[in-house]
Amino acid sequence: MFNYHKVEIEWGGRPLVLETGKIARQADGAVLATYGETKVLATVVSMKEPKPGLDFFPLTVNYQEKTYAAGKIPGGYFKREGRPSEKETLVSRLIDRPIRPLFADGYKNDTQVVVTVMQHDLENDPDIVAIVATSAALTLSGIPFMGPVGGARVGFINGQYVLNPHVDEMPESKLDLVVAGTGDAVLMVESEAKELDEATMLGAVMFGHKGFQPVIDPSGSARSIESLHSSPPCAAYQASKRASVWSATAFTTKRPPGVSARSMRR
């Protein structure tokens, strides 16, 4: 029987739905996020033990858009999908930057995040949905991740800030700003603007940070990433994953050669 759980909130005038327990159940964490009619699947897998000799955290983030997400099939001379596009590479970096600093110090287990656009309604850009889905999947995975994080796009149209504007509204916007962070801090800002002053830019960052709080804050409706994480089936699953991942290596303590992690925990 599936440990299926679903949460839904109203965010930026559109429903945001997070689902887990049906798809990619063998992954350490998997979340299907739906915003409007755009669907993104984020999966997270981490090795149980670090590779010997690594002095860095081997985190890989792959964001991929397939033509079937827009109801198209490659044809003509190129009948297969090619290498990752420029946008796929940039969105992969967009996801990587806010999550990388939140892993526990000393955690060097090989970790892969794969984000796939399952459906694109051509109105809601999947990059913001990908950040939210990745954060939710990491929070459920049991990996030592000090999240969750949220993300939002901010537009500036007719002198007003707009949260997560539609794709067809962006040509009218003087600002295209993506902000990501936690409940009390901003971790990443990327923007493109048309000669806006400093006060407007700072206001956009604060507007975006406030705008994604309902996604990660369990207060109020209690329908957020945290509530997905604390649901009974997900909490039990997450606890078992944490036990298997954390017990595999004493990543916060350097143990002498020949001494096992189990003996150190004693």
Foldseek 3Di string as FASTA:
>chain_A
DWPKDKFWDQALNWIWMWIDGPPPVVALFWIWIATRHWIKIKGKHWDLAADPPDPDAQEEEFEDEDPVQAPDADDDPDRDDDDGDPVRVVLSVVLCQAFVVFADPQDRIHMYMYMYTNHDPQWADCSQVRNLRNLLRVLLNLGRGRDRKHKWWWFQAPNDIGIRGTPVCVVRTQKTKMWMDHLPDTRDIDMDGDPDDPVVVVVRRVVGSVSGCVQGPCPDPNRHSVSVCPPVVSVVSSVVSNCSRCQSDVRVDDDDPPDHSVNVVD
